[in-house]
């Protein structure tokens, strides 16, 4: 599953059960399209907020996908910024 597919699936799950708090953090930062490094860094921050502030509202499968997405974005942003 690609990053966009993971995030789309998470959004569908949260919409389906009206999990508004994680949606509040992810929707404003997720464009669903290819993005620039700055946009990926902003998306990373939104996902970190979901991971840290909404953990109790996530299923174990959702939390796993959030963590995988955070890790993938961290690696990508670090590689692009050369840090």
Protein backbone atom coordinates (compact mmCIF):
# COMPACT_ATOMS: atom_id res chain seq x y z
CA UNK A 1 0.00 0.00 0.00
CA UNK A 2 1.39 3.42 -0.94
CA UNK A 3 1.47 6.32 1.47
CA UNK A 4 -1.50 7.97 -0.26
CA UNK A 5 -3.47 4.72 -0.12
CA UNK A 6 -2.75 4.38 3.61
CA UNK A 7 -3.84 7.94 4.30
CA UNK A 8 -6.95 7.62 2.13
CA UNK A 9 -7.88 4.42 3.99
CA UNK A 10 -7.36 6.10 7.36
CA UNK A 11 -9.52 9.04 6.33
CA UNK A 12 -12.27 6.67 5.13
CA UNK A 13 -12.17 4.80 8.44
CA UNK A 14 -12.29 7.95 10.53
CA UNK A 15 -15.09 9.46 8.45
CA UNK A 16 -17.06 6.23 8.72
CA UNK A 17 -17.08 6.32 12.49
CA UNK A 18 -16.93 10.11 12.78
CA UNK A 19 -13.56 10.18 14.51
CA UNK A 20 -13.31 13.94 14.24
CA UNK A 21 -10.17 14.55 16.27
CA UNK A 22 -7.74 12.65 14.01
CA UNK A 23 -9.51 14.06 10.97
CA UNK A 24 -9.03 17.56 12.35
CA UNK A 25 -5.26 17.05 12.37
CA UNK A 26 -4.88 15.20 9.06
CA UNK A 27 -7.32 16.79 6.62
CA UNK A 28 -5.84 20.31 6.64
CA UNK A 29 -2.36 19.01 5.82
CA UNK A 30 -3.14 16.22 3.33
CA UNK A 31 -3.55 17.13 -0.32
CA UNK A 32 -3.81 13.59 -1.69
CA UNK A 33 -1.46 14.48 -4.53
CA UNK A 34 2.27 14.46 -5.03
CA UNK A 35 3.77 17.22 -2.96
CA UNK A 36 6.97 19.17 -2.43
CA UNK A 37 9.33 18.47 0.46
CA UNK A 38 7.81 21.32 2.49
CA UNK A 39 4.34 19.83 2.09
CA UNK A 40 5.63 16.41 3.17
CA UNK A 41 7.15 18.01 6.27
CA UNK A 42 3.80 19.64 7.09
CA UNK A 43 2.02 16.31 6.54
CA UNK A 44 4.57 14.66 8.83
CA UNK A 45 3.74 17.13 11.60
CA UNK A 46 0.02 16.45 11.19
CA UNK A 47 0.57 12.70 11.41
CA UNK A 48 2.78 13.16 14.47
CA UNK A 49 -0.09 15.08 16.07
CA UNK A 50 -2.49 12.24 15.27
CA UNK A 51 -0.03 9.70 16.69
CA UNK A 52 0.61 11.65 19.86
CA UNK A 53 -2.73 13.29 20.59
CA UNK A 54 -5.29 10.84 19.19
CA UNK A 55 -3.82 7.48 20.14
CA UNK A 56 -6.81 6.51 22.29
CA UNK A 57 -9.16 7.12 19.35
CA UNK A 58 -7.29 4.86 16.92
CA UNK A 59 -7.69 1.14 16.36
CA UNK A 60 -4.53 -0.94 16.53
CA UNK A 61 -4.51 -1.23 12.71
CA UNK A 62 -4.93 2.53 12.30
CA UNK A 63 -2.15 3.25 14.78
CA UNK A 64 0.11 0.83 12.91
CA UNK A 65 -0.54 2.66 9.62
CA UNK A 66 -0.01 6.06 11.24
CA UNK A 67 3.33 4.92 12.68
CA UNK A 68 4.40 3.41 9.33
CA UNK A 69 3.44 6.65 7.57
CA UNK A 70 5.34 8.79 10.09
CA UNK A 71 8.44 6.61 9.69
CA UNK A 72 8.27 6.71 5.89
CA UNK A 73 7.80 10.49 5.85
CA UNK A 74 10.64 11.04 8.34
CA UNK A 75 12.98 9.02 6.13
CA UNK A 76 11.84 10.88 3.01
CA UNK A 77 12.14 14.36 4.52
CA UNK A 78 15.55 13.60 6.04
CA UNK A 79 16.82 12.29 2.71
CA UNK A 80 15.49 15.31 0.80
CA UNK A 81 16.88 17.82 3.27
CA UNK A 82 20.20 16.03 3.59
CA UNK A 83 20.12 15.73 7.38
